[in-house]
Amino acid sequence: MLASGGDQYVLLFLLILNPWSEVNMAKAATASTTTGYCMKCKTQRQMRGAKPITMKNGRPATEGKCPECGTRMFRIGASK
């Protein structure tokens, strides 16, 4: 038996507006808000096309491009 009364609305809300649904997770995966320091612009900017990489020494890093000048940017450490 399905929940009754106000619980039905909560269940309906969770089914429709689930923030962890596959669609929302896909949007979150493509939306990158990783920031890094652009050596050419000399400012902190959000990386365009940020992707996690592993450096030669095995440490995690994030690589992307500066949205203004297109220079490659790196941020050492695991991506958030």
Protein backbone atom coordinates (compact mmCIF):
# COMPACT_ATOMS: atom_id res chain seq x y z
CA MET A 1 0.00 0.00 0.00
CA LEU A 2 1.24 3.46 -0.88
CA ALA A 3 1.66 6.10 1.80
CA SER A 4 -1.45 8.10 2.55
CA GLY A 5 -2.22 11.74 3.23
CA GLY A 6 0.66 14.21 3.13
CA ASP A 7 3.18 11.42 2.56
CA GLN A 8 1.90 10.98 -1.00
CA TYR A 9 2.95 14.54 -1.80
CA VAL A 10 6.41 13.96 -0.37
CA LEU A 11 6.78 10.78 -2.43
CA LEU A 12 5.57 12.57 -5.56
CA PHE A 13 7.99 15.43 -4.89
CA LEU A 14 10.88 13.01 -4.52
CA LEU A 15 10.01 11.19 -7.72
CA ILE A 16 9.62 14.35 -9.82
CA LEU A 17 12.23 16.71 -8.41
CA ASN A 18 14.92 14.28 -7.34
CA PRO A 19 18.18 16.27 -7.39
CA TRP A 20 20.16 13.05 -7.83
CA SER A 21 18.30 11.90 -10.93
CA GLU A 22 20.32 10.79 -13.97
CA VAL A 23 19.53 14.00 -15.86
CA ASN A 24 20.66 16.26 -13.01
CA MET A 25 23.78 14.18 -12.40
CA ALA A 26 24.70 14.46 -16.09
CA LYS A 27 24.29 18.24 -15.94
CA ALA A 28 26.44 18.41 -12.81
CA ALA A 29 29.14 16.33 -14.47
CA THR A 30 29.32 18.60 -17.50
CA ALA A 31 29.13 21.86 -15.55
CA SER A 32 32.66 22.54 -14.41
CA THR A 33 33.36 25.20 -11.84
CA THR A 34 37.01 24.38 -11.25
CA THR A 35 39.16 27.45 -10.94
CA GLY A 36 42.84 27.84 -11.65
CA TYR A 37 45.43 30.54 -12.10
CA CYS A 38 46.07 31.68 -15.66
CA MET A 39 49.75 32.53 -16.04
CA LYS A 40 49.15 34.65 -19.13
CA CYS A 41 46.23 36.72 -17.75
CA LYS A 42 47.70 36.67 -14.22
CA THR A 43 44.25 36.15 -12.69
CA GLN A 44 42.19 33.39 -11.10
CA ARG A 45 39.62 32.11 -13.62
CA GLN A 46 37.20 29.24 -14.09
CA MET A 47 38.61 26.51 -16.32
CA ARG A 48 36.85 25.74 -19.57
CA GLY A 49 36.70 22.03 -20.39
CA ALA A 50 38.25 20.98 -17.07
CA LYS A 51 39.08 17.29 -16.86
CA PRO A 52 40.83 15.23 -14.19
CA ILE A 53 44.27 13.88 -15.13
CA THR A 54 47.10 12.02 -13.43
CA MET A 55 50.57 13.55 -13.55
CA LYS A 56 53.73 11.53 -14.23
CA ASN A 57 54.44 11.21 -10.51
CA GLY A 58 50.95 9.71 -9.93
CA ARG A 59 49.37 12.74 -8.26
CA PRO A 60 45.90 13.85 -9.37
CA ALA A 61 45.44 17.18 -11.15
CA THR A 62 42.89 19.05 -13.24
CA GLU A 63 43.63 20.40 -16.70
CA GLY A 64 41.59 22.95 -18.64
CA LYS A 65 41.79 26.12 -20.71
CA CYS A 66 41.47 29.78 -19.82
CA PRO A 67 38.15 31.11 -21.16
CA GLU A 68 39.73 34.47 -22.05
CA CYS A 69 43.02 33.65 -23.77
CA GLY A 70 42.86 29.88 -24.34
CA THR A 71 46.07 29.08 -22.45
CA ARG A 72 46.31 25.63 -20.84
CA MET A 73 45.69 25.77 -17.08
CA PHE A 74 46.47 23.22 -14.39
CA ARG A 75 45.37 22.77 -10.81
CA ILE A 76 47.30 20.23 -8.76
CA GLY A 77 45.20 18.06 -6.46
CA ALA A 78 42.02 16.05 -6.82
CA SER A 79 39.20 17.80 -8.66
CA LYS A 80 36.17 18.72 -6.55
